[in-house]
């Protein structure tokens, strides 16, 4: 019998993403729980009672794989406690249990494969962006935002640019309205009303069925990389810093300065891999602020400061940043397995 690690890499991952899109999947003697399929982007899990009932029924005598992919936050969602309970119930060990994750879960009873999301996206994106150069100044726009899911963070940035810097920005906000939990609607009444009246904000087109390819998300055929100075990124996870995605990572290769609303210390994750960011020109103190509200306010303040600069000033700033941008592109290629 092959080891569980061998099974994971050579059997399970050979199945397509669509085939793996099940909460519970049984292959041979292995039961796989894919937390991605019942994780809601508001950091909660759906149907946990049903999951546990079926796993308790089907799990006897099985080896287990616990999958955490695509932005799942295992700690805030309560997933870690589910895994702990199943390890205990089925007496799993390093031969019979495996976790695939990007977070340090503090579980050492079973075999753990920990993947760095930045390195993953570096390799996934390269075939799509490999021919995009670092476009030189001058630029005709200061900002760009490319928002698909309409979270309140993204809505507030899109609203800021639309109301204060519309002529200086490329804005894409695909959502109709603002995603929110109805129980918190009273706290976001103004944003919800503005979103209902002003969204979607269409840069080029609305995508049917909200389905996106890598080319639609990062490809130069759609996005005018040669025309704007910097990108304002709002990451999928604004609470933790272990799921840094294509939204941020592509800019390391194509040579775009960026401000990123993500979990605290996200820029530090980039620095740890040898990338440089833009603290000589942009107030990046936001990255050290643990308070989400205050971090977001610092980011909005910095957007307003940069928006008040002349195009001569932002173009000159870009020229000064060029060595950092070139360094990041080179570092990207050093970490890219396609290179």
C-alpha atoms as a PDB file:
ATOM      1  CA  UNK A   1       0.000   0.000   0.000  1.00  0.00           C
ATOM      2  CA  UNK A   2       1.364   3.407  -0.980  1.00  0.00           C
ATOM      3  CA  UNK A   3       1.978   5.994   1.701  1.00  0.00           C
ATOM      4  CA  UNK A   4      -0.692   8.625   2.215  1.00  0.00           C
ATOM      5  CA  UNK A   5       1.686  11.315   0.958  1.00  0.00           C
ATOM      6  CA  UNK A   6       2.300   9.339  -2.268  1.00  0.00           C
ATOM      7  CA  UNK A   7      -1.444   8.831  -2.651  1.00  0.00           C
ATOM      8  CA  UNK A   8      -2.040  12.568  -2.205  1.00  0.00           C
ATOM      9  CA  UNK A   9       0.435  13.690  -4.869  1.00  0.00           C
ATOM     10  CA  UNK A  10       0.004  10.894  -7.407  1.00  0.00           C
ATOM     11  CA  UNK A  11      -3.609   9.785  -7.060  1.00  0.00           C
ATOM     12  CA  UNK A  12      -5.812  12.395  -5.445  1.00  0.00           C
ATOM     13  CA  UNK A  13      -4.345  15.447  -7.201  1.00  0.00           C
ATOM     14  CA  UNK A  14      -4.632  13.700 -10.571  1.00  0.00           C
ATOM     15  CA  UNK A  15      -8.376  14.190 -10.294  1.00  0.00           C
ATOM     16  CA  UNK A  16      -9.632  17.479 -11.695  1.00  0.00           C
ATOM     17  CA  UNK A  17     -10.635  20.393  -9.490  1.00  0.00           C
ATOM     18  CA  UNK A  18     -14.282  19.793 -10.447  1.00  0.00           C
ATOM     19  CA  UNK A  19     -14.079  16.113  -9.559  1.00  0.00           C
ATOM     20  CA  UNK A  20     -12.597  17.048  -6.183  1.00  0.00           C
ATOM     21  CA  UNK A  21     -15.302  19.631  -5.449  1.00  0.00           C
ATOM     22  CA  UNK A  22     -17.117  17.421  -2.938  1.00  0.00           C
ATOM     23  CA  UNK A  23     -17.235  17.822   0.839  1.00  0.00           C
ATOM     24  CA  UNK A  24     -16.541  14.103   1.241  1.00  0.00           C
ATOM     25  CA  UNK A  25     -14.800  11.934  -1.336  1.00  0.00           C
ATOM     26  CA  UNK A  26     -13.688   8.314  -0.979  1.00  0.00           C
ATOM     27  CA  UNK A  27     -10.901   6.938  -3.169  1.00  0.00           C
ATOM     28  CA  UNK A  28      -9.743   3.416  -2.394  1.00  0.00           C
ATOM     29  CA  UNK A  29      -9.273   3.355   1.395  1.00  0.00           C
ATOM     30  CA  UNK A  30      -8.900   7.123   1.754  1.00  0.00           C
ATOM     31  CA  UNK A  31     -11.627   9.539   2.850  1.00  0.00           C
ATOM     32  CA  UNK A  32     -10.973  13.128   1.794  1.00  0.00           C
ATOM     33  CA  UNK A  33     -12.662  16.098   3.421  1.00  0.00           C
ATOM     34  CA  UNK A  34     -12.388  19.175   1.199  1.00  0.00           C
ATOM     35  CA  UNK A  35     -13.109  22.150   3.445  1.00  0.00           C
ATOM     36  CA  UNK A  36     -13.130  24.449   0.419  1.00  0.00           C
ATOM     37  CA  UNK A  37     -16.532  23.092  -0.610  1.00  0.00           C
ATOM     38  CA  UNK A  38     -18.375  24.185   2.527  1.00  0.00           C
ATOM     39  CA  UNK A  39     -16.347  27.206   3.623  1.00  0.00           C
ATOM     40  CA  UNK A  40     -18.153  30.533   3.266  1.00  0.00           C
ATOM     41  CA  UNK A  41     -16.040  33.610   2.607  1.00  0.00           C
ATOM     42  CA  UNK A  42     -17.375  35.165   5.798  1.00  0.00           C
ATOM     43  CA  UNK A  43     -15.138  32.735   7.746  1.00  0.00           C
ATOM     44  CA  UNK A  44     -17.881  30.231   8.564  1.00  0.00           C
ATOM     45  CA  UNK A  45     -18.625  26.614   7.625  1.00  0.00           C
ATOM     46  CA  UNK A  46     -21.932  25.265   6.343  1.00  0.00           C
ATOM     47  CA  UNK A  47     -23.535  21.953   7.226  1.00  0.00           C
ATOM     48  CA  UNK A  48     -21.030  20.854   9.854  1.00  0.00           C
ATOM     49  CA  UNK A  49     -23.565  18.596  11.617  1.00  0.00           C
ATOM     50  CA  UNK A  50     -24.269  16.772   8.341  1.00  0.00           C
ATOM     51  CA  UNK A  51     -20.571  16.529   7.554  1.00  0.00           C
ATOM     52  CA  UNK A  52     -19.754  14.938  10.890  1.00  0.00           C
ATOM     53  CA  UNK A  53     -22.668  12.496  10.663  1.00  0.00           C
ATOM     54  CA  UNK A  54     -21.529  11.189   7.273  1.00  0.00           C
ATOM     55  CA  UNK A  55     -17.833  11.134   8.172  1.00  0.00           C
ATOM     56  CA  UNK A  56     -18.592   9.217  11.358  1.00  0.00           C
ATOM     57  CA  UNK A  57     -20.559   6.746   9.239  1.00  0.00           C
ATOM     58  CA  UNK A  58     -18.047   6.386   6.403  1.00  0.00           C
ATOM     59  CA  UNK A  59     -14.725   6.908   8.154  1.00  0.00           C
ATOM     60  CA  UNK A  60     -14.315   3.592   9.980  1.00  0.00           C
ATOM     61  CA  UNK A  61     -11.207   1.822   8.709  1.00  0.00           C
ATOM     62  CA  UNK A  62     -10.264   4.666   6.382  1.00  0.00           C
ATOM     63  CA  UNK A  63      -7.190   6.825   6.062  1.00  0.00           C
ATOM     64  CA  UNK A  64      -7.980  10.552   6.020  1.00  0.00           C
ATOM     65  CA  UNK A  65      -6.923  13.602   4.009  1.00  0.00           C
ATOM     66  CA  UNK A  66      -8.005  17.043   5.218  1.00  0.00           C
ATOM     67  CA  UNK A  67      -7.834  19.623   2.411  1.00  0.00           C
ATOM     68  CA  UNK A  68      -7.583  23.367   2.989  1.00  0.00           C
ATOM     69  CA  UNK A  69      -7.408  25.196  -0.346  1.00  0.00           C
ATOM     70  CA  UNK A  70      -8.417  28.472  -1.957  1.00  0.00           C
ATOM     71  CA  UNK A  71      -8.444  30.939   0.885  1.00  0.00           C
ATOM     72  CA  UNK A  72      -9.939  28.879   3.664  1.00  0.00           C
ATOM     73  CA  UNK A  73      -9.185  30.228   7.117  1.00  0.00           C
ATOM     74  CA  UNK A  74      -8.988  27.065   9.252  1.00  0.00           C
ATOM     75  CA  UNK A  75      -8.655  28.837  12.582  1.00  0.00           C
ATOM     76  CA  UNK A  76     -11.421  31.433  12.420  1.00  0.00           C
ATOM     77  CA  UNK A  77     -13.852  29.006  10.770  1.00  0.00           C
ATOM     78  CA  UNK A  78     -13.534  26.362  13.477  1.00  0.00           C
ATOM     79  CA  UNK A  79     -12.091  23.835  11.035  1.00  0.00           C
ATOM     80  CA  UNK A  80      -9.138  23.074  13.282  1.00  0.00           C
ATOM     81  CA  UNK A  81     -11.401  21.738  16.018  1.00  0.00           C
ATOM     82  CA  UNK A  82     -13.213  19.521  13.516  1.00  0.00           C
ATOM     83  CA  UNK A  83      -9.916  18.044  12.404  1.00  0.00           C
ATOM     84  CA  UNK A  84      -8.774  17.535  15.992  1.00  0.00           C
ATOM     85  CA  UNK A  85     -12.016  15.754  16.873  1.00  0.00           C
ATOM     86  CA  UNK A  86     -11.718  13.373  13.899  1.00  0.00           C
ATOM     87  CA  UNK A  87      -8.061  12.640  14.622  1.00  0.00           C
ATOM     88  CA  UNK A  88      -9.075  11.661  18.143  1.00  0.00           C
ATOM     89  CA  UNK A  89     -12.190   9.705  17.126  1.00  0.00           C
ATOM     90  CA  UNK A  90     -10.438   7.610  14.481  1.00  0.00           C
ATOM     91  CA  UNK A  91      -7.067   7.497  16.265  1.00  0.00           C
ATOM     92  CA  UNK A  92      -5.254   8.913  13.248  1.00  0.00           C
ATOM     93  CA  UNK A  93      -1.471   9.140  13.049  1.00  0.00           C
ATOM     94  CA  UNK A  94       1.169  10.168  10.505  1.00  0.00           C
ATOM     95  CA  UNK A  95       0.463   7.022   8.468  1.00  0.00           C
ATOM     96  CA  UNK A  96      -3.320   7.333   8.454  1.00  0.00           C
ATOM     97  CA  UNK A  97      -3.928  11.096   8.440  1.00  0.00           C
ATOM     98  CA  UNK A  98      -2.698  13.952   6.231  1.00  0.00           C
ATOM     99  CA  UNK A  99      -3.446  17.673   6.235  1.00  0.00           C
ATOM    100  CA  UNK A 100      -2.815  19.970   3.266  1.00  0.00           C
ATOM    101  CA  UNK A 101      -2.771  23.566   4.487  1.00  0.00           C
ATOM    102  CA  UNK A 102      -1.130  26.976   4.250  1.00  0.00           C
ATOM    103  CA  UNK A 103      -1.466  27.703   7.957  1.00  0.00           C
ATOM    104  CA  UNK A 104       0.352  26.494  11.020  1.00  0.00           C
ATOM    105  CA  UNK A 105      -2.498  24.604  12.665  1.00  0.00           C
ATOM    106  CA  UNK A 106      -0.582  23.378  15.696  1.00  0.00           C
ATOM    107  CA  UNK A 107      -1.431  19.770  14.870  1.00  0.00           C
ATOM    108  CA  UNK A 108       1.417  17.284  14.799  1.00  0.00           C
ATOM    109  CA  UNK A 109      -0.444  13.985  15.283  1.00  0.00           C
ATOM    110  CA  UNK A 110      -0.764  13.485  11.503  1.00  0.00           C
ATOM    111  CA  UNK A 111       1.365  14.198   8.436  1.00  0.00           C
ATOM    112  CA  UNK A 112       1.196  17.869   7.392  1.00  0.00           C
ATOM    113  CA  UNK A 113       1.958  19.322   3.956  1.00  0.00           C
ATOM    114  CA  UNK A 114       2.255  23.087   4.248  1.00  0.00           C
ATOM    115  CA  UNK A 115       2.161  25.090   1.009  1.00  0.00           C
ATOM    116  CA  UNK A 116       3.134  28.740   0.629  1.00  0.00           C
ATOM    117  CA  UNK A 117       0.411  30.532  -1.322  1.00  0.00           C
ATOM    118  CA  UNK A 118       2.808  33.117  -2.762  1.00  0.00           C
ATOM    119  CA  UNK A 119       5.034  30.430  -4.272  1.00  0.00           C
ATOM    120  CA  UNK A 120       1.988  28.591  -5.578  1.00  0.00           C
ATOM    121  CA  UNK A 121       0.636  31.679  -7.349  1.00  0.00           C
ATOM    122  CA  UNK A 122       4.052  32.570  -8.752  1.00  0.00           C
ATOM    123  CA  UNK A 123       4.017  29.308 -10.669  1.00  0.00           C
ATOM    124  CA  UNK A 124       0.320  29.279 -11.553  1.00  0.00           C
ATOM    125  CA  UNK A 125       0.321  32.823 -12.986  1.00  0.00           C
ATOM    126  CA  UNK A 126       3.543  32.751 -14.962  1.00  0.00           C
ATOM    127  CA  UNK A 127       2.209  31.168 -18.187  1.00  0.00           C
ATOM    128  CA  UNK A 128      -0.440  33.903 -18.381  1.00  0.00           C
ATOM    129  CA  UNK A 129       1.721  36.946 -17.558  1.00  0.00           C
ATOM    130  CA  UNK A 130       5.153  35.874 -18.840  1.00  0.00           C
ATOM    131  CA  UNK A 131       5.029  38.215 -21.853  1.00  0.00           C
ATOM    132  CA  UNK A 132       3.889  41.296 -19.917  1.00  0.00           C
ATOM    133  CA  UNK A 133       6.759  43.817 -19.707  1.00  0.00           C
ATOM    134  CA  UNK A 134       7.337  46.390 -17.005  1.00  0.00           C
ATOM    135  CA  UNK A 135       5.678  49.281 -18.771  1.00  0.00           C
ATOM    136  CA  UNK A 136       7.447  52.633 -18.412  1.00  0.00           C
ATOM    137  CA  UNK A 137       5.975  55.931 -17.284  1.00  0.00           C
ATOM    138  CA  UNK A 138       4.260  58.230 -18.126  1.00  0.00           C
ATOM    139  CA  UNK A 139       0.837  56.879 -17.177  1.00  0.00           C
ATOM    140  CA  UNK A 140      -2.587  58.352 -17.834  1.00  0.00           C
ATOM    141  CA  UNK A 141      -4.200  56.952 -14.675  1.00  0.00           C
ATOM    142  CA  UNK A 142      -2.951  56.755 -11.101  1.00  0.00           C
ATOM    143  CA  UNK A 143      -4.988  53.829  -9.784  1.00  0.00           C
ATOM    144  CA  UNK A 144      -6.589  50.576 -10.845  1.00  0.00           C
ATOM    145  CA  UNK A 145      -8.869  48.207  -8.956  1.00  0.00           C
ATOM    146  CA  UNK A 146     -10.127  44.873 -10.293  1.00  0.00           C
ATOM    147  CA  UNK A 147     -12.816  43.624  -7.921  1.00  0.00           C
ATOM    148  CA  UNK A 148     -14.912  40.533  -8.544  1.00  0.00           C
ATOM    149  CA  UNK A 149     -16.559  39.620  -5.229  1.00  0.00           C
ATOM    150  CA  UNK A 150     -18.096  42.760  -3.768  1.00  0.00           C
ATOM    151  CA  UNK A 151     -17.003  42.709  -0.131  1.00  0.00           C
ATOM    152  CA  UNK A 152     -17.417  45.820   2.009  1.00  0.00           C
ATOM    153  CA  UNK A 153     -13.666  46.469   1.900  1.00  0.00           C
ATOM    154  CA  UNK A 154     -13.708  46.437  -1.890  1.00  0.00           C
ATOM    155  CA  UNK A 155     -16.893  48.448  -2.059  1.00  0.00           C
ATOM    156  CA  UNK A 156     -15.390  51.194   0.102  1.00  0.00           C
ATOM    157  CA  UNK A 157     -12.256  51.396  -2.059  1.00  0.00           C
ATOM    158  CA  UNK A 158     -14.294  51.433  -5.274  1.00  0.00           C
ATOM    159  CA  UNK A 159     -16.535  54.124  -3.775  1.00  0.00           C
ATOM    160  CA  UNK A 160     -13.527  56.221  -2.730  1.00  0.00           C
ATOM    161  CA  UNK A 161     -12.033  56.084  -6.214  1.00  0.00           C
ATOM    162  CA  UNK A 162     -15.378  56.610  -7.952  1.00  0.00           C
ATOM    163  CA  UNK A 163     -16.314  59.674  -5.905  1.00  0.00           C
ATOM    164  CA  UNK A 164     -12.904  61.321  -5.456  1.00  0.00           C
ATOM    165  CA  UNK A 165     -10.613  60.047  -8.224  1.00  0.00           C
ATOM    166  CA  UNK A 166     -12.863  58.754 -10.992  1.00  0.00           C
ATOM    167  CA  UNK A 167     -10.890  60.420 -13.792  1.00  0.00           C
ATOM    168  CA  UNK A 168      -7.641  59.067 -12.350  1.00  0.00           C
ATOM    169  CA  UNK A 169      -8.734  55.442 -11.991  1.00  0.00           C
ATOM    170  CA  UNK A 170      -9.629  52.253 -13.780  1.00  0.00           C
ATOM    171  CA  UNK A 171     -12.423  50.725 -11.698  1.00  0.00           C
ATOM    172  CA  UNK A 172     -13.962  47.291 -12.104  1.00  0.00           C
ATOM    173  CA  UNK A 173     -16.504  46.181  -9.491  1.00  0.00           C
ATOM    174  CA  UNK A 174     -18.413  43.176 -10.801  1.00  0.00           C
ATOM    175  CA  UNK A 175     -20.844  42.763  -7.917  1.00  0.00           C
ATOM    176  CA  UNK A 176     -24.373  44.133  -8.030  1.00  0.00           C
ATOM    177  CA  UNK A 177     -24.633  45.714  -4.620  1.00  0.00           C
ATOM    178  CA  UNK A 178     -22.429  44.837  -1.647  1.00  0.00           C
ATOM    179  CA  UNK A 179     -22.068  41.403  -0.130  1.00  0.00           C
ATOM    180  CA  UNK A 180     -23.147  41.499   3.485  1.00  0.00           C
ATOM    181  CA  UNK A 181     -24.790  39.467   6.213  1.00  0.00           C
ATOM    182  CA  UNK A 182     -28.306  40.793   6.779  1.00  0.00           C
ATOM    183  CA  UNK A 183     -27.694  40.804  10.526  1.00  0.00           C
ATOM    184  CA  UNK A 184     -25.084  43.550  10.073  1.00  0.00           C
ATOM    185  CA  UNK A 185     -26.955  45.593   7.475  1.00  0.00           C
ATOM    186  CA  UNK A 186     -27.762  48.400   9.927  1.00  0.00           C
ATOM    187  CA  UNK A 187     -24.037  49.017  10.452  1.00  0.00           C
ATOM    188  CA  UNK A 188     -23.369  49.381   6.730  1.00  0.00           C
ATOM    189  CA  UNK A 189     -26.561  51.116   5.596  1.00  0.00           C
ATOM    190  CA  UNK A 190     -24.784  53.937   3.803  1.00  0.00           C
ATOM    191  CA  UNK A 191     -22.414  51.631   1.911  1.00  0.00           C
ATOM    192  CA  UNK A 192     -25.238  49.266   0.972  1.00  0.00           C
ATOM    193  CA  UNK A 193     -27.380  52.132  -0.331  1.00  0.00           C
ATOM    194  CA  UNK A 194     -24.479  53.528  -2.354  1.00  0.00           C
ATOM    195  CA  UNK A 195     -23.683  50.102  -3.760  1.00  0.00           C
ATOM    196  CA  UNK A 196     -27.300  49.481  -4.749  1.00  0.00           C
ATOM    197  CA  UNK A 197     -27.368  52.784  -6.609  1.00  0.00           C
ATOM    198  CA  UNK A 198     -23.933  52.671  -8.249  1.00  0.00           C
ATOM    199  CA  UNK A 199     -22.847  49.095  -8.910  1.00  0.00           C
ATOM    200  CA  UNK A 200     -21.776  47.185 -10.816  1.00  0.00           C
ATOM    201  CA  UNK A 201     -19.034  49.510 -12.039  1.00  0.00           C
ATOM    202  CA  UNK A 202     -18.127  48.171 -15.445  1.00  0.00           C
ATOM    203  CA  UNK A 203     -14.621  48.691 -16.765  1.00  0.00           C
ATOM    204  CA  UNK A 204     -15.104  46.616 -19.913  1.00  0.00           C
ATOM    205  CA  UNK A 205     -17.723  43.899 -19.383  1.00  0.00           C
ATOM    206  CA  UNK A 206     -19.643  41.911 -16.818  1.00  0.00           C
ATOM    207  CA  UNK A 207     -18.605  38.282 -16.854  1.00  0.00           C
ATOM    208  CA  UNK A 208     -21.442  35.801 -17.415  1.00  0.00           C
ATOM    209  CA  UNK A 209     -22.128  33.559 -14.415  1.00  0.00           C
ATOM    210  CA  UNK A 210     -19.202  35.218 -12.604  1.00  0.00           C
ATOM    211  CA  UNK A 211     -16.793  32.634 -14.050  1.00  0.00           C
ATOM    212  CA  UNK A 212     -13.234  33.789 -14.623  1.00  0.00           C
ATOM    213  CA  UNK A 213     -10.175  32.345 -16.314  1.00  0.00           C
ATOM    214  CA  UNK A 214      -6.630  33.342 -15.403  1.00  0.00           C
ATOM    215  CA  UNK A 215      -6.475  35.338 -18.627  1.00  0.00           C
ATOM    216  CA  UNK A 216      -9.610  37.280 -17.672  1.00  0.00           C
ATOM    217  CA  UNK A 217      -8.224  37.939 -14.189  1.00  0.00           C
ATOM    218  CA  UNK A 218      -4.596  38.853 -14.924  1.00  0.00           C
ATOM    219  CA  UNK A 219      -4.123  38.750 -18.698  1.00  0.00           C
ATOM    220  CA  UNK A 220      -2.779  41.808 -20.525  1.00  0.00           C
ATOM    221  CA  UNK A 221      -5.427  41.377 -23.200  1.00  0.00           C
ATOM    222  CA  UNK A 222      -8.015  42.777 -20.815  1.00  0.00           C
ATOM    223  CA  UNK A 223      -6.098  44.980 -18.392  1.00  0.00           C
ATOM    224  CA  UNK A 224      -4.327  48.170 -19.534  1.00  0.00           C
ATOM    225  CA  UNK A 225      -1.112  47.632 -17.611  1.00  0.00           C
ATOM    226  CA  UNK A 226       0.618  50.233 -19.752  1.00  0.00           C
ATOM    227  CA  UNK A 227      -1.743  53.005 -18.666  1.00  0.00           C
ATOM    228  CA  UNK A 228      -1.854  53.103 -14.860  1.00  0.00           C
ATOM    229  CA  UNK A 229       0.651  53.749 -12.107  1.00  0.00           C
ATOM    230  CA  UNK A 230      -0.398  51.459  -9.251  1.00  0.00           C
ATOM    231  CA  UNK A 231      -2.966  48.939  -8.113  1.00  0.00           C
ATOM    232  CA  UNK A 232      -5.046  48.967  -4.952  1.00  0.00           C
ATOM    233  CA  UNK A 233      -5.421  45.338  -3.895  1.00  0.00           C
ATOM    234  CA  UNK A 234      -8.037  44.013  -1.513  1.00  0.00           C
ATOM    235  CA  UNK A 235      -7.161  40.411  -0.805  1.00  0.00           C
ATOM    236  CA  UNK A 236      -9.536  37.487  -0.392  1.00  0.00           C
ATOM    237  CA  UNK A 237      -8.585  37.201   3.273  1.00  0.00           C
ATOM    238  CA  UNK A 238      -8.183  40.499   5.101  1.00  0.00           C
ATOM    239  CA  UNK A 239      -7.759  38.894   8.506  1.00  0.00           C
ATOM    240  CA  UNK A 240      -4.800  36.527   8.116  1.00  0.00           C
ATOM    241  CA  UNK A 241      -1.697  36.664   5.925  1.00  0.00           C
ATOM    242  CA  UNK A 242      -1.386  33.062   4.747  1.00  0.00           C
ATOM    243  CA  UNK A 243      -3.570  33.380   1.638  1.00  0.00           C
ATOM    244  CA  UNK A 244      -1.875  36.010  -0.521  1.00  0.00           C
ATOM    245  CA  UNK A 245      -3.242  35.529  -4.015  1.00  0.00           C
ATOM    246  CA  UNK A 246      -2.848  36.456  -7.655  1.00  0.00           C
ATOM    247  CA  UNK A 247      -4.262  39.877  -6.794  1.00  0.00           C
ATOM    248  CA  UNK A 248      -0.983  40.791  -5.115  1.00  0.00           C
ATOM    249  CA  UNK A 249       1.458  38.329  -6.666  1.00  0.00           C
ATOM    250  CA  UNK A 250       1.010  39.319 -10.307  1.00  0.00           C
ATOM    251  CA  UNK A 251       2.259  42.829  -9.521  1.00  0.00           C
ATOM    252  CA  UNK A 252       5.623  41.460  -8.435  1.00  0.00           C
ATOM    253  CA  UNK A 253       6.237  40.334 -12.011  1.00  0.00           C
ATOM    254  CA  UNK A 254       4.501  42.975 -14.138  1.00  0.00           C
ATOM    255  CA  UNK A 255       6.085  45.872 -12.260  1.00  0.00           C
ATOM    256  CA  UNK A 256       3.159  47.590 -10.590  1.00  0.00           C
ATOM    257  CA  UNK A 257       3.494  49.290  -7.217  1.00  0.00           C
ATOM    258  CA  UNK A 258       0.605  48.363  -4.946  1.00  0.00           C
ATOM    259  CA  UNK A 259      -1.130  48.960  -1.662  1.00  0.00           C
ATOM    260  CA  UNK A 260      -2.695  45.780  -0.277  1.00  0.00           C
ATOM    261  CA  UNK A 261      -5.549  45.504   2.185  1.00  0.00           C
ATOM    262  CA  UNK A 262      -4.811  42.050   3.526  1.00  0.00           C
ATOM    263  CA  UNK A 263      -4.108  40.539   6.909  1.00  0.00           C
ATOM    264  CA  UNK A 264      -1.498  42.298   9.031  1.00  0.00           C
ATOM    265  CA  UNK A 265       2.139  41.556   8.170  1.00  0.00           C
ATOM    266  CA  UNK A 266       1.321  40.440   4.631  1.00  0.00           C
ATOM    267  CA  UNK A 267       4.109  42.604   3.225  1.00  0.00           C
ATOM    268  CA  UNK A 268       6.431  40.898   5.680  1.00  0.00           C
ATOM    269  CA  UNK A 269       5.552  37.600   4.022  1.00  0.00           C
ATOM    270  CA  UNK A 270       6.762  39.031   0.707  1.00  0.00           C
ATOM    271  CA  UNK A 271       9.931  40.387   2.307  1.00  0.00           C
ATOM    272  CA  UNK A 272      10.677  36.956   3.770  1.00  0.00           C
ATOM    273  CA  UNK A 273      10.788  35.569   0.224  1.00  0.00           C
ATOM    274  CA  UNK A 274      13.217  38.260  -0.922  1.00  0.00           C
ATOM    275  CA  UNK A 275      10.788  40.716  -2.491  1.00  0.00           C
ATOM    276  CA  UNK A 276      10.919  44.453  -1.861  1.00  0.00           C
ATOM    277  CA  UNK A 277       7.967  46.773  -1.415  1.00  0.00           C
ATOM    278  CA  UNK A 278       7.555  50.525  -1.534  1.00  0.00           C
ATOM    279  CA  UNK A 279       8.098  51.951   1.929  1.00  0.00           C
ATOM    280  CA  UNK A 280      10.408  54.677   0.597  1.00  0.00           C
ATOM    281  CA  UNK A 281       7.471  56.191  -1.313  1.00  0.00           C
ATOM    282  CA  UNK A 282       4.307  54.777   0.271  1.00  0.00           C
ATOM    283  CA  UNK A 283       3.348  54.735   3.941  1.00  0.00           C
ATOM    284  CA  UNK A 284       3.420  50.979   4.521  1.00  0.00           C
ATOM    285  CA  UNK A 285       2.973  51.261   8.267  1.00  0.00           C
ATOM    286  CA  UNK A 286      -0.538  49.914   7.648  1.00  0.00           C
ATOM    287  CA  UNK A 287       0.974  46.440   7.318  1.00  0.00           C
ATOM    288  CA  UNK A 288       1.948  46.396  10.998  1.00  0.00           C
ATOM    289  CA  UNK A 289      -1.465  47.470  12.316  1.00  0.00           C
ATOM    290  CA  UNK A 290      -3.414  44.573  13.859  1.00  0.00           C
ATOM    291  CA  UNK A 291      -6.692  46.516  14.101  1.00  0.00           C
ATOM    292  CA  UNK A 292      -8.532  45.938  10.805  1.00  0.00           C
ATOM    293  CA  UNK A 293     -10.486  49.186  10.988  1.00  0.00           C
ATOM    294  CA  UNK A 294      -7.403  51.289  11.668  1.00  0.00           C
ATOM    295  CA  UNK A 295      -5.339  49.474   9.027  1.00  0.00           C
ATOM    296  CA  UNK A 296      -8.029  50.166   6.446  1.00  0.00           C
ATOM    297  CA  UNK A 297      -8.258  53.833   7.450  1.00  0.00           C
ATOM    298  CA  UNK A 298      -4.489  54.264   7.008  1.00  0.00           C
ATOM    299  CA  UNK A 299      -4.762  52.700   3.556  1.00  0.00           C
ATOM    300  CA  UNK A 300      -7.575  55.040   2.533  1.00  0.00           C
ATOM    301  CA  UNK A 301      -5.622  58.019   3.840  1.00  0.00           C
ATOM    302  CA  UNK A 302      -2.597  56.968   1.783  1.00  0.00           C
ATOM    303  CA  UNK A 303      -4.729  56.554  -1.352  1.00  0.00           C
ATOM    304  CA  UNK A 304      -5.967  60.108  -0.869  1.00  0.00           C
ATOM    305  CA  UNK A 305      -2.415  61.375  -0.432  1.00  0.00           C
ATOM    306  CA  UNK A 306      -1.181  59.707  -3.617  1.00  0.00           C
ATOM    307  CA  UNK A 307      -4.330  60.802  -5.449  1.00  0.00           C
ATOM    308  CA  UNK A 308      -3.529  64.414  -4.587  1.00  0.00           C
ATOM    309  CA  UNK A 309      -0.132  64.215  -6.300  1.00  0.00           C
ATOM    310  CA  UNK A 310       0.323  65.498  -9.832  1.00  0.00           C
ATOM    311  CA  UNK A 311       0.988  63.095 -12.691  1.00  0.00           C
ATOM    312  CA  UNK A 312       4.492  64.507 -12.928  1.00  0.00           C
ATOM    313  CA  UNK A 313       5.023  63.478  -9.320  1.00  0.00           C
ATOM    314  CA  UNK A 314       3.614  59.942  -9.698  1.00  0.00           C
ATOM    315  CA  UNK A 315       5.549  59.417 -12.926  1.00  0.00           C
ATOM    316  CA  UNK A 316       8.746  60.544 -11.202  1.00  0.00           C
ATOM    317  CA  UNK A 317       7.925  58.264  -8.273  1.00  0.00           C
ATOM    318  CA  UNK A 318       7.636  55.346 -10.678  1.00  0.00           C
ATOM    319  CA  UNK A 319      11.050  56.121 -12.157  1.00  0.00           C
ATOM    320  CA  UNK A 320      12.514  56.069  -8.648  1.00  0.00           C
ATOM    321  CA  UNK A 321      10.789  52.750  -7.945  1.00  0.00           C
ATOM    322  CA  UNK A 322      12.091  51.108 -11.112  1.00  0.00           C
ATOM    323  CA  UNK A 323      15.055  49.311  -9.452  1.00  0.00           C
ATOM    324  CA  UNK A 324      12.657  47.768  -6.894  1.00  0.00           C
ATOM    325  CA  UNK A 325      10.308  46.658  -9.661  1.00  0.00           C
ATOM    326  CA  UNK A 326      13.166  45.109 -11.630  1.00  0.00           C
ATOM    327  CA  UNK A 327      14.404  43.354  -8.501  1.00  0.00           C
ATOM    328  CA  UNK A 328      10.966  41.870  -7.845  1.00  0.00           C
ATOM    329  CA  UNK A 329      10.660  40.591 -11.401  1.00  0.00           C
ATOM    330  CA  UNK A 330      14.057  38.926 -11.117  1.00  0.00           C
ATOM    331  CA  UNK A 331      13.192  37.416  -7.748  1.00  0.00           C
ATOM    332  CA  UNK A 332       9.893  36.149  -9.166  1.00  0.00           C
ATOM    333  CA  UNK A 333      11.810  34.285 -11.865  1.00  0.00           C
ATOM    334  CA  UNK A 334      14.229  32.831  -9.316  1.00  0.00           C
ATOM    335  CA  UNK A 335      11.268  31.358  -7.417  1.00  0.00           C
ATOM    336  CA  UNK A 336       9.372  30.283 -10.535  1.00  0.00           C
ATOM    337  CA  UNK A 337       9.738  26.631 -11.473  1.00  0.00           C
ATOM    338  CA  UNK A 338       8.974  27.508 -15.115  1.00  0.00           C
ATOM    339  CA  UNK A 339      11.986  29.824 -15.294  1.00  0.00           C
END
